[in-house]
Amino acid sequence: MEIHAEFLDDALGLHDFETVITRLGRIADAIAQRGGIAKSEWHLKGYTEEEASLYPVFNGDVPATAALAVTREEFRNINDVTSVGMWAHPEGTQIGGSMTCRLLPQGEPKSIEVSLTNRAEVSNGELINYGDFVHYVTLIAKEFNPIITEVSPPDYFEKRVFDDKPGVGWMLYLPKVITVQQVPEARALIPVPEPDKKQVGTIIVSVADGVFSADNPEHVEVANRIEIRLVDQDLLPAYADI
């Protein structure tokens, strides 16, 4: 299951890797508490399996010194696009994950990708479930103030109604107050508040009683109907406008 978020943050520079790793660390904390991947399992991505096991990303609650140094050296002379990428695959398990934050110059949208995989026979096992993903999307909303956050399996991408717009998939976060009257097809509308309790956004859910599957026609139909309803009311931005 994948989470994709787009956000604008001109205070976050192309080489602010320590800030990025610290923010992703709070997501790693949430996954450790709720999903079963220990924070110590996360390593910098590499081109080979051996290379991808060299550098732990976190040292407790702070970025690991070696991981920061390697990332800074990789992008030392790059001033257009940079990124922080990490992965985790606990030995002896069928679960895994990856996280990537892509940084672009001021005025251009940055992005976060979080992917969690459970290859066990029970696909909706402890790593992938409704309550945990609501928690992760809420946390990303608070950490990054995204313009949109999509949650769906990779194979839903081709089943969206609109090629030029985000898909609803399992969940879609928009930084707007969305009501039942606006989207009656939604199976749940979860408010996301600021610390002062004022609502800043809404998680729109297509399947609330299980895990979304792009192979389930009923799941796809509900997600598609929500997308159409959002576009009819000019609530779903095009990628080009993000």
C-alpha atoms as a PDB file:
ATOM      1  CA  MET A   1       0.000   0.000   0.000  1.00  0.00           C
ATOM      2  CA  GLU A   2       1.390   3.409  -0.961  1.00  0.00           C
ATOM      3  CA  ILE A   3       0.981   6.904   0.447  1.00  0.00           C
ATOM      4  CA  HIS A   4       1.860   9.779  -1.866  1.00  0.00           C
ATOM      5  CA  ALA A   5       1.769  13.388  -0.662  1.00  0.00           C
ATOM      6  CA  GLU A   6       2.551  16.651  -2.436  1.00  0.00           C
ATOM      7  CA  PHE A   7       3.412  19.705  -0.364  1.00  0.00           C
ATOM      8  CA  LEU A   8       4.759  23.251  -0.650  1.00  0.00           C
ATOM      9  CA  ASP A   9       7.319  24.394   1.916  1.00  0.00           C
ATOM     10  CA  ASP A  10       9.709  27.103   0.749  1.00  0.00           C
ATOM     11  CA  ALA A  11      11.361  27.100   4.170  1.00  0.00           C
ATOM     12  CA  LEU A  12      12.624  23.586   3.415  1.00  0.00           C
ATOM     13  CA  GLY A  13      15.736  23.915   1.276  1.00  0.00           C
ATOM     14  CA  LEU A  14      17.219  21.465  -1.198  1.00  0.00           C
ATOM     15  CA  HIS A  15      19.843  20.373   1.320  1.00  0.00           C
ATOM     16  CA  ASP A  16      17.836  20.390   4.555  1.00  0.00           C
ATOM     17  CA  PHE A  17      18.348  16.667   4.975  1.00  0.00           C
ATOM     18  CA  GLU A  18      18.504  16.730   8.762  1.00  0.00           C
ATOM     19  CA  THR A  19      15.039  18.310   8.934  1.00  0.00           C
ATOM     20  CA  VAL A  20      13.634  15.829   6.422  1.00  0.00           C
ATOM     21  CA  ILE A  21      15.058  12.789   8.221  1.00  0.00           C
ATOM     22  CA  THR A  22      13.764  14.102  11.546  1.00  0.00           C
ATOM     23  CA  ARG A  23      10.246  14.466  10.115  1.00  0.00           C
ATOM     24  CA  LEU A  24      10.349  11.056   8.463  1.00  0.00           C
ATOM     25  CA  GLY A  25      11.588   9.713  11.767  1.00  0.00           C
ATOM     26  CA  ARG A  26       8.289  10.611  13.366  1.00  0.00           C
ATOM     27  CA  ILE A  27       6.522   8.558  10.687  1.00  0.00           C
ATOM     28  CA  ALA A  28       8.958   5.711  11.371  1.00  0.00           C
ATOM     29  CA  ASP A  29       8.068   6.011  15.070  1.00  0.00           C
ATOM     30  CA  ALA A  30       4.371   5.659  14.233  1.00  0.00           C
ATOM     31  CA  ILE A  31       5.020   2.621  12.023  1.00  0.00           C
ATOM     32  CA  ALA A  32       7.110   1.039  14.781  1.00  0.00           C
ATOM     33  CA  GLN A  33       4.384   1.633  17.350  1.00  0.00           C
ATOM     34  CA  ARG A  34       1.543   0.454  15.143  1.00  0.00           C
ATOM     35  CA  GLY A  35       2.926  -1.598  12.275  1.00  0.00           C
ATOM     36  CA  GLY A  36       5.802  -3.741  13.450  1.00  0.00           C
ATOM     37  CA  ILE A  37       8.893  -2.304  11.672  1.00  0.00           C
ATOM     38  CA  ALA A  38      11.387  -1.154  14.297  1.00  0.00           C
ATOM     39  CA  LYS A  39      12.914   2.274  13.760  1.00  0.00           C
ATOM     40  CA  SER A  40      16.384   0.707  13.807  1.00  0.00           C
ATOM     41  CA  GLU A  41      15.508  -1.317  10.672  1.00  0.00           C
ATOM     42  CA  TRP A  42      15.460   1.742   8.392  1.00  0.00           C
ATOM     43  CA  HIS A  43      18.569   2.147   6.206  1.00  0.00           C
ATOM     44  CA  LEU A  44      19.535   4.475   3.366  1.00  0.00           C
ATOM     45  CA  LYS A  45      18.566   3.080  -0.022  1.00  0.00           C
ATOM     46  CA  GLY A  46      21.363   1.737  -2.206  1.00  0.00           C
ATOM     47  CA  TYR A  47      21.923   0.270  -5.647  1.00  0.00           C
ATOM     48  CA  THR A  48      22.558  -3.217  -4.247  1.00  0.00           C
ATOM     49  CA  GLU A  49      21.172  -5.098  -1.244  1.00  0.00           C
ATOM     50  CA  GLU A  50      24.587  -4.979   0.393  1.00  0.00           C
ATOM     51  CA  GLU A  51      24.905  -1.227  -0.160  1.00  0.00           C
ATOM     52  CA  ALA A  52      21.362  -0.678   1.151  1.00  0.00           C
ATOM     53  CA  SER A  53      22.260  -2.261   4.482  1.00  0.00           C
ATOM     54  CA  LEU A  54      25.290  -0.085   5.241  1.00  0.00           C
ATOM     55  CA  TYR A  55      23.803   3.046   6.798  1.00  0.00           C
ATOM     56  CA  PRO A  56      21.088   3.090   9.470  1.00  0.00           C
ATOM     57  CA  VAL A  57      19.100   6.306   9.079  1.00  0.00           C
ATOM     58  CA  PHE A  58      18.251   6.932  12.728  1.00  0.00           C
ATOM     59  CA  ASN A  59      20.211   7.028  15.939  1.00  0.00           C
ATOM     60  CA  GLY A  60      17.389   6.955  18.448  1.00  0.00           C
ATOM     61  CA  ASP A  61      15.342  10.112  17.940  1.00  0.00           C
ATOM     62  CA  VAL A  62      17.918  11.920  15.767  1.00  0.00           C
ATOM     63  CA  PRO A  63      19.322  11.358  12.272  1.00  0.00           C
ATOM     64  CA  ALA A  64      22.369   9.091  12.237  1.00  0.00           C
ATOM     65  CA  THR A  65      25.605  11.006  11.601  1.00  0.00           C
ATOM     66  CA  ALA A  66      26.853   8.653   8.872  1.00  0.00           C
ATOM     67  CA  ALA A  67      23.525   8.688   7.001  1.00  0.00           C
ATOM     68  CA  LEU A  68      23.514  12.491   7.018  1.00  0.00           C
ATOM     69  CA  ALA A  69      27.108  12.649   5.794  1.00  0.00           C
ATOM     70  CA  VAL A  70      26.471  10.184   2.952  1.00  0.00           C
ATOM     71  CA  THR A  71      23.347  12.046   1.814  1.00  0.00           C
ATOM     72  CA  ARG A  72      25.058  15.438   1.932  1.00  0.00           C
ATOM     73  CA  GLU A  73      27.987  14.128  -0.092  1.00  0.00           C
ATOM     74  CA  GLU A  74      25.707  12.529  -2.701  1.00  0.00           C
ATOM     75  CA  PHE A  75      23.957  15.844  -3.386  1.00  0.00           C
ATOM     76  CA  ARG A  76      26.844  18.215  -2.586  1.00  0.00           C
ATOM     77  CA  ASN A  77      26.918  19.844  -6.032  1.00  0.00           C
ATOM     78  CA  ILE A  78      23.281  19.327  -7.011  1.00  0.00           C
ATOM     79  CA  ASN A  79      20.918  22.289  -6.921  1.00  0.00           C
ATOM     80  CA  ASP A  80      17.836  21.215  -8.870  1.00  0.00           C
ATOM     81  CA  VAL A  81      16.398  18.054  -7.282  1.00  0.00           C
ATOM     82  CA  THR A  82      17.539  16.193  -4.177  1.00  0.00           C
ATOM     83  CA  SER A  83      16.007  13.431  -2.074  1.00  0.00           C
ATOM     84  CA  VAL A  84      16.233  11.284   1.009  1.00  0.00           C
ATOM     85  CA  GLY A  85      15.344   7.633   0.510  1.00  0.00           C
ATOM     86  CA  MET A  86      15.236   4.793   3.032  1.00  0.00           C
ATOM     87  CA  TRP A  87      13.987   1.232   3.202  1.00  0.00           C
ATOM     88  CA  ALA A  88      13.343  -1.461   5.788  1.00  0.00           C
ATOM     89  CA  HIS A  89      12.937  -5.213   5.462  1.00  0.00           C
ATOM     90  CA  PRO A  90      13.235  -7.011   8.813  1.00  0.00           C
ATOM     91  CA  GLU A  91      15.113 -10.283   8.361  1.00  0.00           C
ATOM     92  CA  GLY A  92      12.980 -13.396   8.514  1.00  0.00           C
ATOM     93  CA  THR A  93       9.712 -11.544   7.851  1.00  0.00           C
ATOM     94  CA  GLN A  94       7.491 -10.943   4.838  1.00  0.00           C
ATOM     95  CA  ILE A  95       6.939  -7.282   5.647  1.00  0.00           C
ATOM     96  CA  GLY A  96       8.848  -4.255   4.415  1.00  0.00           C
ATOM     97  CA  GLY A  97       8.677  -0.569   3.723  1.00  0.00           C
ATOM     98  CA  SER A  98      10.267   2.404   2.029  1.00  0.00           C
ATOM     99  CA  MET A  99      10.102   6.164   2.482  1.00  0.00           C
ATOM    100  CA  THR A 100      11.297   8.880   0.117  1.00  0.00           C
ATOM    101  CA  CYS A 101      11.130  12.659   0.360  1.00  0.00           C
ATOM    102  CA  ARG A 102      11.903  14.523  -2.869  1.00  0.00           C
ATOM    103  CA  LEU A 103      12.991  18.161  -2.590  1.00  0.00           C
ATOM    104  CA  LEU A 104      12.662  20.748  -5.359  1.00  0.00           C
ATOM    105  CA  PRO A 105      13.482  24.476  -5.538  1.00  0.00           C
ATOM    106  CA  GLN A 106      11.267  27.155  -4.008  1.00  0.00           C
ATOM    107  CA  GLY A 107       7.789  27.401  -5.522  1.00  0.00           C
ATOM    108  CA  GLU A 108       7.770  23.821  -6.808  1.00  0.00           C
ATOM    109  CA  PRO A 109       5.874  21.029  -5.008  1.00  0.00           C
ATOM    110  CA  LYS A 110       7.895  18.580  -2.975  1.00  0.00           C
ATOM    111  CA  SER A 111       6.716  15.024  -2.384  1.00  0.00           C
ATOM    112  CA  ILE A 112       6.708  12.176   0.096  1.00  0.00           C
ATOM    113  CA  GLU A 113       6.263   8.491  -0.698  1.00  0.00           C
ATOM    114  CA  VAL A 114       5.610   5.893   1.988  1.00  0.00           C
ATOM    115  CA  SER A 115       5.182   2.276   0.890  1.00  0.00           C
ATOM    116  CA  LEU A 116       4.371  -0.628   3.208  1.00  0.00           C
ATOM    117  CA  THR A 117       4.270  -4.220   2.003  1.00  0.00           C
ATOM    118  CA  ASN A 118       3.017  -7.416   3.610  1.00  0.00           C
ATOM    119  CA  ARG A 119       3.629 -10.464   1.423  1.00  0.00           C
ATOM    120  CA  ALA A 120       2.128 -12.864   3.930  1.00  0.00           C
ATOM    121  CA  GLU A 121      -0.979 -14.821   2.963  1.00  0.00           C
ATOM    122  CA  VAL A 122      -3.147 -12.508   5.072  1.00  0.00           C
ATOM    123  CA  SER A 123      -2.742  -9.317   3.066  1.00  0.00           C
ATOM    124  CA  ASN A 124      -4.464  -7.151   5.643  1.00  0.00           C
ATOM    125  CA  GLY A 125      -2.202  -8.300   8.463  1.00  0.00           C
ATOM    126  CA  GLU A 126      -0.728  -6.161  11.198  1.00  0.00           C
ATOM    127  CA  LEU A 127       1.284  -3.905   8.877  1.00  0.00           C
ATOM    128  CA  ILE A 128      -1.633  -2.776   6.668  1.00  0.00           C
ATOM    129  CA  ASN A 129      -4.939  -1.898   8.269  1.00  0.00           C
ATOM    130  CA  TYR A 130      -7.483   0.899   8.247  1.00  0.00           C
ATOM    131  CA  GLY A 131      -6.803   2.501  11.618  1.00  0.00           C
ATOM    132  CA  ASP A 132      -3.040   2.647  11.171  1.00  0.00           C
ATOM    133  CA  PHE A 133      -3.232   4.259   7.732  1.00  0.00           C
ATOM    134  CA  VAL A 134      -5.655   6.895   8.986  1.00  0.00           C
ATOM    135  CA  HIS A 135      -3.048   7.623  11.675  1.00  0.00           C
ATOM    136  CA  TYR A 136      -0.199   7.866   9.132  1.00  0.00           C
ATOM    137  CA  VAL A 137      -2.142  10.202   6.834  1.00  0.00           C
ATOM    138  CA  THR A 138      -3.080  12.410   9.785  1.00  0.00           C
ATOM    139  CA  LEU A 139       0.552  12.534  10.887  1.00  0.00           C
ATOM    140  CA  ILE A 140       1.758  13.455   7.383  1.00  0.00           C
ATOM    141  CA  ALA A 141      -0.869  16.210   7.266  1.00  0.00           C
ATOM    142  CA  LYS A 142       0.484  17.669  10.508  1.00  0.00           C
ATOM    143  CA  GLU A 143       4.173  17.266   9.598  1.00  0.00           C
ATOM    144  CA  PHE A 144       4.096  18.466   5.988  1.00  0.00           C
ATOM    145  CA  ASN A 145       0.821  20.387   5.441  1.00  0.00           C
ATOM    146  CA  PRO A 146       0.267  18.639   2.079  1.00  0.00           C
ATOM    147  CA  ILE A 147      -1.829  19.902  -0.807  1.00  0.00           C
ATOM    148  CA  ILE A 148      -3.011  16.326  -1.401  1.00  0.00           C
ATOM    149  CA  THR A 149      -2.268  12.911   0.063  1.00  0.00           C
ATOM    150  CA  GLU A 150      -3.281   9.756  -1.821  1.00  0.00           C
ATOM    151  CA  VAL A 151      -3.416   6.245  -0.353  1.00  0.00           C
ATOM    152  CA  SER A 152      -3.843   3.297  -2.723  1.00  0.00           C
ATOM    153  CA  PRO A 153      -2.183   0.134  -3.986  1.00  0.00           C
ATOM    154  CA  PRO A 154       0.044   0.748  -7.042  1.00  0.00           C
ATOM    155  CA  ASP A 155      -2.349  -1.022  -9.426  1.00  0.00           C
ATOM    156  CA  TYR A 156      -5.155   1.469  -8.714  1.00  0.00           C
ATOM    157  CA  PHE A 157      -3.291   4.179 -10.663  1.00  0.00           C
ATOM    158  CA  GLU A 158      -4.625   2.934 -14.013  1.00  0.00           C
ATOM    159  CA  LYS A 159      -8.175   2.693 -12.632  1.00  0.00           C
ATOM    160  CA  ARG A 160      -8.609   6.348 -11.690  1.00  0.00           C
ATOM    161  CA  VAL A 161     -11.335   8.214 -13.537  1.00  0.00           C
ATOM    162  CA  PHE A 162      -9.184  11.246 -14.424  1.00  0.00           C
ATOM    163  CA  ASP A 163      -5.634  10.836 -15.716  1.00  0.00           C
ATOM    164  CA  ASP A 164      -4.709  14.416 -14.848  1.00  0.00           C
ATOM    165  CA  LYS A 165      -5.976  14.369 -11.255  1.00  0.00           C
ATOM    166  CA  PRO A 166      -5.191  12.468  -8.046  1.00  0.00           C
ATOM    167  CA  GLY A 167      -7.173   9.321  -7.375  1.00  0.00           C
ATOM    168  CA  VAL A 168      -9.157   8.607  -4.246  1.00  0.00           C
ATOM    169  CA  GLY A 169      -8.090   4.970  -3.989  1.00  0.00           C
ATOM    170  CA  TRP A 170      -8.413   3.918  -0.362  1.00  0.00           C
ATOM    171  CA  MET A 171      -8.060   7.401   1.123  1.00  0.00           C
ATOM    172  CA  LEU A 172      -7.522  10.946  -0.071  1.00  0.00           C
ATOM    173  CA  TYR A 173      -6.557  13.866   2.162  1.00  0.00           C
ATOM    174  CA  LEU A 174      -7.483  17.382   1.054  1.00  0.00           C
ATOM    175  CA  PRO A 175      -6.699  20.527   3.093  1.00  0.00           C
ATOM    176  CA  LYS A 176     -10.382  21.459   3.095  1.00  0.00           C
ATOM    177  CA  VAL A 177     -13.447  20.843   5.198  1.00  0.00           C
ATOM    178  CA  ILE A 178     -15.458  18.221   3.288  1.00  0.00           C
ATOM    179  CA  THR A 179     -19.006  17.365   4.378  1.00  0.00           C
ATOM    180  CA  VAL A 180     -21.287  14.365   3.895  1.00  0.00           C
ATOM    181  CA  GLN A 181     -23.578  16.562   1.810  1.00  0.00           C
ATOM    182  CA  GLN A 182     -20.703  17.230  -0.599  1.00  0.00           C
ATOM    183  CA  VAL A 183     -19.518  13.623  -0.872  1.00  0.00           C
ATOM    184  CA  PRO A 184     -22.299  11.222   0.182  1.00  0.00           C
ATOM    185  CA  GLU A 185     -20.478   8.301  -1.489  1.00  0.00           C
ATOM    186  CA  ALA A 186     -17.619   8.424   1.041  1.00  0.00           C
ATOM    187  CA  ARG A 187     -17.601   5.601   3.585  1.00  0.00           C
ATOM    188  CA  ALA A 188     -15.989   7.928   6.133  1.00  0.00           C
ATOM    189  CA  LEU A 189     -14.934  11.571   6.354  1.00  0.00           C
ATOM    190  CA  ILE A 190     -12.263  12.056   9.006  1.00  0.00           C
ATOM    191  CA  PRO A 191     -11.489  15.621  10.143  1.00  0.00           C
ATOM    192  CA  VAL A 192      -7.845  16.559  10.627  1.00  0.00           C
ATOM    193  CA  PRO A 193      -7.462  19.355  13.198  1.00  0.00           C
ATOM    194  CA  GLU A 194      -4.705  21.781  14.054  1.00  0.00           C
ATOM    195  CA  PRO A 195      -3.423  21.793  17.664  1.00  0.00           C
ATOM    196  CA  ASP A 196      -6.050  24.442  18.461  1.00  0.00           C
ATOM    197  CA  LYS A 197      -8.726  21.956  17.310  1.00  0.00           C
ATOM    198  CA  LYS A 198      -9.671  23.956  14.216  1.00  0.00           C
ATOM    199  CA  GLN A 199     -10.216  21.597  11.278  1.00  0.00           C
ATOM    200  CA  VAL A 200      -7.692  22.126   8.481  1.00  0.00           C
ATOM    201  CA  GLY A 201      -8.445  19.139   6.274  1.00  0.00           C
ATOM    202  CA  THR A 202     -10.409  15.964   5.671  1.00  0.00           C
ATOM    203  CA  ILE A 203      -9.488  12.350   4.940  1.00  0.00           C
ATOM    204  CA  ILE A 204     -11.990  10.970   2.435  1.00  0.00           C
ATOM    205  CA  VAL A 205     -12.308   7.185   2.753  1.00  0.00           C
ATOM    206  CA  SER A 206     -13.705   4.749   0.172  1.00  0.00           C
ATOM    207  CA  VAL A 207     -13.434   1.549   2.257  1.00  0.00           C
ATOM    208  CA  ALA A 208     -13.724   1.728   6.045  1.00  0.00           C
ATOM    209  CA  ASP A 209     -14.358  -1.915   6.941  1.00  0.00           C
ATOM    210  CA  GLY A 210     -11.193  -3.446   5.525  1.00  0.00           C
ATOM    211  CA  VAL A 211      -8.229  -2.913   3.214  1.00  0.00           C
ATOM    212  CA  PHE A 212      -8.836  -1.409  -0.236  1.00  0.00           C
ATOM    213  CA  SER A 213      -8.137  -3.707  -3.187  1.00  0.00           C
ATOM    214  CA  ALA A 214      -7.871  -2.599  -6.810  1.00  0.00           C
ATOM    215  CA  ASP A 215      -8.991  -6.122  -7.738  1.00  0.00           C
ATOM    216  CA  ASN A 216     -12.335  -5.615  -5.995  1.00  0.00           C
ATOM    217  CA  PRO A 217     -14.793  -3.994  -8.450  1.00  0.00           C
ATOM    218  CA  GLU A 218     -16.943  -2.634  -5.605  1.00  0.00           C
ATOM    219  CA  HIS A 219     -13.958  -0.856  -4.049  1.00  0.00           C
ATOM    220  CA  VAL A 220     -12.936   0.643  -7.384  1.00  0.00           C
ATOM    221  CA  GLU A 221     -16.495   1.748  -8.139  1.00  0.00           C
ATOM    222  CA  VAL A 222     -16.847   3.611  -4.836  1.00  0.00           C
ATOM    223  CA  ALA A 223     -13.474   5.344  -5.295  1.00  0.00           C
ATOM    224  CA  ASN A 224     -14.378   6.340  -8.861  1.00  0.00           C
ATOM    225  CA  ARG A 225     -17.751   7.723  -7.793  1.00  0.00           C
ATOM    226  CA  ILE A 226     -16.086   9.839  -5.114  1.00  0.00           C
ATOM    227  CA  GLU A 227     -13.618  11.188  -7.693  1.00  0.00           C
ATOM    228  CA  ILE A 228     -16.473  12.186 -10.018  1.00  0.00           C
ATOM    229  CA  ARG A 229     -18.347  13.841  -7.155  1.00  0.00           C
ATOM    230  CA  LEU A 230     -15.255  15.835  -6.128  1.00  0.00           C
ATOM    231  CA  VAL A 231     -14.584  17.006  -9.688  1.00  0.00           C
ATOM    232  CA  ASP A 232     -18.230  18.012 -10.171  1.00  0.00           C
ATOM    233  CA  GLN A 233     -17.793  20.379  -7.223  1.00  0.00           C
ATOM    234  CA  ASP A 234     -14.311  21.590  -8.210  1.00  0.00           C
ATOM    235  CA  LEU A 235     -12.801  20.039  -5.079  1.00  0.00           C
ATOM    236  CA  LEU A 236     -10.156  17.853  -6.731  1.00  0.00           C
ATOM    237  CA  PRO A 237      -7.143  19.742  -8.133  1.00  0.00           C
ATOM    238  CA  ALA A 238      -5.320  18.727 -11.295  1.00  0.00           C
ATOM    239  CA  TYR A 239      -1.708  17.657 -10.906  1.00  0.00           C
ATOM    240  CA  ALA A 240      -0.694  20.634 -13.041  1.00  0.00           C
ATOM    241  CA  ASP A 241      -2.299  23.014 -10.532  1.00  0.00           C
ATOM    242  CA  ILE A 242      -0.587  21.565  -7.476  1.00  0.00           C
END
